[in-house]
């Protein structure tokens, strides 16, 4: 019997690198706090052979992650990330309604800055961190936000939003509100059984949606997008149906 792989899907692969769409809740590399946790790189190596890390995304974030397949490609891609040539686009569902259409946040961040290993804003100890945000649209109690981080600090998008009074849905670290998204709470005429209802979304609503790089061998610009996972897509469809706002249109 064929067991379906639920940890990632393959967006692109060639002899130089692979682009994967990972599920929320899986690490992309070794973690010093939990050495035994499942790791995407080790799982994907069963399919692709040795993989080399070139960037990171949070464990709780779903979406695009790139691994190099050769040392040469790793050097090239790592340099692109370090020199901030890579264009990254994330989609987030947040609580509340921003009072802005666009927002640029230039706020130094210090990873592992408190007892919960959270990233904190610190002008004294933080490293330069910059994110551009755009309001896609509001829908009931929520809003869809597009985020384009220019730097790659741990939890950067989450902290930059939190420092501006917004928290991503179901963020276990930076949000005081852990309520999952339930259809019964956003649809006026909902006829289901509240005791049997399953949430539409009960994990961090942050998705690495698009990434643009230069091919490490040819130098040609290439762009990749990652479909939303099932839970986030179900939420998107319901919110679009009820409120007419769709981040993918």
Protein backbone atom coordinates (compact mmCIF):
# COMPACT_ATOMS: atom_id res chain seq x y z
CA UNK A 1 0.00 0.00 0.00
CA UNK A 2 1.35 3.43 -0.98
CA UNK A 3 1.56 5.77 2.01
CA UNK A 4 0.93 9.38 1.04
CA UNK A 5 3.65 11.82 2.06
CA UNK A 6 2.01 14.54 4.16
CA UNK A 7 5.19 16.31 5.26
CA UNK A 8 5.96 18.01 1.95
CA UNK A 9 5.18 18.18 -1.73
CA UNK A 10 7.73 18.84 -4.48
CA UNK A 11 7.33 22.14 -6.29
CA UNK A 12 10.52 21.85 -8.40
CA UNK A 13 13.68 19.78 -8.61
CA UNK A 14 16.73 19.56 -10.86
CA UNK A 15 20.36 18.51 -10.41
CA UNK A 16 21.21 21.70 -8.50
CA UNK A 17 18.38 22.30 -6.03
CA UNK A 18 14.89 21.32 -4.89
CA UNK A 19 11.94 23.48 -3.86
CA UNK A 20 9.54 21.91 -1.39
CA UNK A 21 6.18 22.97 0.04
CA UNK A 22 6.34 21.88 3.68
CA UNK A 23 3.57 21.34 6.18
CA UNK A 24 3.30 23.42 9.34
CA UNK A 25 4.87 21.85 12.42
CA UNK A 26 8.01 20.24 10.99
CA UNK A 27 11.57 21.52 11.40
CA UNK A 28 13.65 22.20 8.28
CA UNK A 29 16.98 21.40 9.99
CA UNK A 30 18.48 20.38 13.35
CA UNK A 31 17.10 22.15 16.41
CA UNK A 32 19.22 22.59 19.52
CA UNK A 33 16.15 22.52 21.79
CA UNK A 34 14.67 19.30 20.39
CA UNK A 35 17.21 17.01 18.77
CA UNK A 36 14.71 14.19 18.24
CA UNK A 37 11.99 16.21 16.48
CA UNK A 38 11.09 15.19 12.88
CA UNK A 39 13.18 17.04 10.30
CA UNK A 40 12.24 17.86 6.74
CA UNK A 41 15.81 17.71 5.44
CA UNK A 42 16.27 14.13 6.65
CA UNK A 43 12.89 13.02 5.29
CA UNK A 44 13.50 14.64 1.91
CA UNK A 45 17.00 13.14 1.66
CA UNK A 46 15.33 9.73 1.39
CA UNK A 47 13.95 10.96 -1.95
CA UNK A 48 16.70 13.26 -3.22
CA UNK A 49 19.94 12.16 -1.58
CA UNK A 50 22.16 14.60 0.31
CA UNK A 51 20.65 18.07 0.71
CA UNK A 52 22.31 21.31 1.80
CA UNK A 53 20.50 24.05 3.72
CA UNK A 54 20.57 27.56 2.23
CA UNK A 55 17.89 29.35 4.30
CA UNK A 56 15.37 28.72 7.07
CA UNK A 57 11.67 29.09 7.76
CA UNK A 58 9.96 28.61 11.11
CA UNK A 59 8.77 25.17 12.17
CA UNK A 60 5.18 26.41 12.50
CA UNK A 61 5.19 28.14 9.10
CA UNK A 62 4.03 26.22 6.03
CA UNK A 63 5.26 26.77 2.49
CA UNK A 64 8.38 27.11 0.40
CA UNK A 65 11.80 25.89 1.42
CA UNK A 66 14.81 25.50 -0.87
CA UNK A 67 17.61 22.95 -0.44
CA UNK A 68 20.73 22.77 -2.61
CA UNK A 69 21.79 19.39 -4.01
CA UNK A 70 25.48 20.24 -4.50
CA UNK A 71 28.06 22.20 -2.54
CA UNK A 72 28.44 24.61 -5.48
CA UNK A 73 24.71 25.33 -5.58
CA UNK A 74 24.71 25.78 -1.82
CA UNK A 75 27.41 28.45 -2.02
CA UNK A 76 25.60 30.29 -4.81
CA UNK A 77 22.15 30.20 -3.20
CA UNK A 78 23.47 31.03 0.26
CA UNK A 79 25.17 34.12 -1.17
CA UNK A 80 21.90 35.19 -2.78
CA UNK A 81 20.13 34.97 0.58
CA UNK A 82 22.96 36.70 2.46
CA UNK A 83 23.13 39.56 -0.04
CA UNK A 84 19.32 39.95 0.08
CA UNK A 85 18.83 39.29 -3.61
CA UNK A 86 16.06 36.76 -2.94
CA UNK A 87 12.47 38.02 -3.06
CA UNK A 88 10.23 36.28 -0.50
CA UNK A 89 6.46 36.68 -0.18
CA UNK A 90 4.40 35.35 2.73
CA UNK A 91 0.65 35.36 3.34
CA UNK A 92 -0.73 35.64 6.88
CA UNK A 93 -4.18 35.70 8.41
CA UNK A 94 -4.25 38.07 11.38
CA UNK A 95 -6.78 39.07 14.01
CA UNK A 96 -8.27 42.54 13.61
CA UNK A 97 -8.03 45.23 10.95
CA UNK A 98 -4.87 47.27 10.29
CA UNK A 99 -5.31 51.02 9.90
CA UNK A 100 -2.81 51.02 7.03
CA UNK A 101 -2.74 49.82 3.43
CA UNK A 102 1.03 49.35 3.44
CA UNK A 103 3.57 49.37 6.26
CA UNK A 104 7.37 49.18 6.28
CA UNK A 105 8.85 47.95 9.55
CA UNK A 106 12.54 48.64 10.21
CA UNK A 107 13.06 47.28 13.70
CA UNK A 108 16.19 45.46 14.98
CA UNK A 109 15.48 41.98 16.33
CA UNK A 110 17.30 39.78 18.83
CA UNK A 111 16.57 36.03 18.41
CA UNK A 112 16.30 33.91 21.56
CA UNK A 113 15.81 37.08 23.56
CA UNK A 114 13.71 35.78 26.47
CA UNK A 115 13.07 32.68 28.58
CA UNK A 116 10.62 31.29 25.99
CA UNK A 117 13.28 31.54 23.27
CA UNK A 118 11.26 34.23 21.53
CA UNK A 119 12.68 36.88 19.25
CA UNK A 120 12.42 40.35 20.80
CA UNK A 121 12.73 43.87 19.43
CA UNK A 122 15.94 45.43 20.70
CA UNK A 123 17.58 48.57 19.35
CA UNK A 124 20.61 47.84 21.53
CA UNK A 125 21.20 44.13 20.89
CA UNK A 126 19.09 43.42 17.80
CA UNK A 127 20.24 42.82 14.24
CA UNK A 128 18.86 44.96 11.39
CA UNK A 129 15.48 43.58 10.29
CA UNK A 130 13.15 44.94 7.63
CA UNK A 131 9.72 43.79 6.44
CA UNK A 132 7.25 45.35 4.00
CA UNK A 133 3.58 44.62 4.67
CA UNK A 134 0.51 45.11 2.49
CA UNK A 135 -3.11 44.74 3.53
CA UNK A 136 -4.76 42.36 1.06
CA UNK A 137 -8.21 42.82 2.60
CA UNK A 138 -10.37 42.43 5.70
CA UNK A 139 -12.89 39.65 6.25
CA UNK A 140 -15.05 39.62 9.37
CA UNK A 141 -12.81 39.58 12.44
CA UNK A 142 -9.70 38.84 10.34
CA UNK A 143 -7.44 40.38 7.72
CA UNK A 144 -5.20 38.86 5.07
CA UNK A 145 -1.70 40.36 5.03
CA UNK A 146 1.11 40.05 2.49
CA UNK A 147 4.60 40.21 4.02
CA UNK A 148 7.88 40.66 2.16
CA UNK A 149 10.84 40.27 4.53
CA UNK A 150 14.10 41.74 3.25
CA UNK A 151 16.10 40.08 6.04
CA UNK A 152 15.72 36.57 7.46
CA UNK A 153 15.60 36.79 11.25
CA UNK A 154 13.92 34.08 13.30
CA UNK A 155 10.16 34.80 13.66
CA UNK A 156 10.71 38.15 11.90
CA UNK A 157 7.23 38.55 10.37
CA UNK A 158 5.51 37.45 13.56
CA UNK A 159 7.44 39.89 15.75
CA UNK A 160 7.20 42.82 13.35
CA UNK A 161 3.41 42.38 13.25
CA UNK A 162 3.16 41.93 17.02
CA UNK A 163 5.18 45.11 17.59
CA UNK A 164 2.55 46.90 15.50
CA UNK A 165 -0.40 45.52 17.42
CA UNK A 166 -1.30 42.60 15.17
CA UNK A 167 -1.04 38.88 15.85
CA UNK A 168 -1.21 36.00 13.41
CA UNK A 169 -4.07 33.58 13.96
CA UNK A 170 -3.10 30.72 16.33
CA UNK A 171 0.43 31.98 16.95
CA UNK A 172 1.54 30.04 20.06
CA UNK A 173 4.36 32.46 20.89
CA UNK A 174 3.35 36.00 19.99
CA UNK A 175 -0.44 36.02 20.29
CA UNK A 176 -2.55 36.12 23.42
CA UNK A 177 -5.46 34.71 21.43
CA UNK A 178 -5.16 31.01 20.62
CA UNK A 179 -8.71 30.53 19.33
CA UNK A 180 -8.86 28.41 16.17
CA UNK A 181 -10.88 29.58 13.17
CA UNK A 182 -14.36 28.04 13.33
CA UNK A 183 -17.03 28.39 10.68
CA UNK A 184 -19.69 28.70 13.39
CA UNK A 185 -18.08 31.91 14.61
CA UNK A 186 -17.92 33.67 11.24
CA UNK A 187 -21.04 32.39 9.46
CA UNK A 188 -24.30 33.88 10.74
CA UNK A 189 -26.59 31.04 9.68
CA UNK A 190 -24.55 28.04 10.71
CA UNK A 191 -26.58 24.90 11.37
CA UNK A 192 -23.95 22.39 12.49
CA UNK A 193 -23.38 20.71 15.83
CA UNK A 194 -21.07 22.86 17.94
CA UNK A 195 -19.83 19.79 19.85
CA UNK A 196 -18.91 17.97 16.64
CA UNK A 197 -17.46 20.95 14.78
CA UNK A 198 -13.85 20.70 13.68
CA UNK A 199 -11.92 23.97 13.32
CA UNK A 200 -11.06 25.18 9.82
CA UNK A 201 -7.61 26.23 11.05
CA UNK A 202 -5.90 25.55 14.37
CA UNK A 203 -2.22 26.27 13.67
CA UNK A 204 -0.10 29.30 12.82
CA UNK A 205 -1.72 30.99 9.81
CA UNK A 206 1.53 31.94 8.07
CA UNK A 207 2.49 30.54 4.67
CA UNK A 208 5.67 31.06 2.64
CA UNK A 209 3.81 31.62 -0.62
CA UNK A 210 6.33 32.77 -3.23
CA UNK A 211 10.10 32.92 -3.70
CA UNK A 212 12.19 34.42 -6.51
CA UNK A 213 15.85 33.49 -6.98
CA UNK A 214 18.48 33.26 -9.71
CA UNK A 215 19.17 29.74 -10.86
CA UNK A 216 22.51 28.76 -9.26
CA UNK A 217 23.84 27.30 -12.53
CA UNK A 218 22.42 29.57 -15.25
CA UNK A 219 21.83 32.83 -13.38
CA UNK A 220 18.34 33.04 -14.90
CA UNK A 221 15.58 34.47 -12.65
CA UNK A 222 13.18 31.75 -11.51
CA UNK A 223 10.03 32.05 -9.41
CA UNK A 224 8.07 29.47 -7.40
CA UNK A 225 4.73 29.56 -5.60
CA UNK A 226 3.35 27.09 -3.06
CA UNK A 227 -0.35 26.20 -2.94
CA UNK A 228 -1.99 26.74 0.44
CA UNK A 229 -2.23 23.64 2.66
CA UNK A 230 -5.72 22.13 3.02
CA UNK A 231 -6.57 23.84 6.32
CA UNK A 232 -5.48 27.29 5.18
CA UNK A 233 -7.15 26.85 1.80
CA UNK A 234 -10.44 25.78 3.41
CA UNK A 235 -10.28 28.93 5.54
CA UNK A 236 -9.49 31.06 2.49
CA UNK A 237 -12.46 29.66 0.55
CA UNK A 238 -14.92 30.18 3.39
CA UNK A 239 -13.74 33.74 4.08
CA UNK A 240 -13.84 34.54 0.35
CA UNK A 241 -17.38 33.19 0.10
CA UNK A 242 -18.57 35.15 3.14
CA UNK A 243 -16.64 38.40 2.76
CA UNK A 244 -15.49 38.58 -0.87
CA UNK A 245 -11.78 38.83 -0.08
CA UNK A 246 -9.43 36.26 -1.57
CA UNK A 247 -5.61 36.54 -1.25
CA UNK A 248 -5.12 34.34 -4.32
CA UNK A 249 -7.20 36.43 -6.73
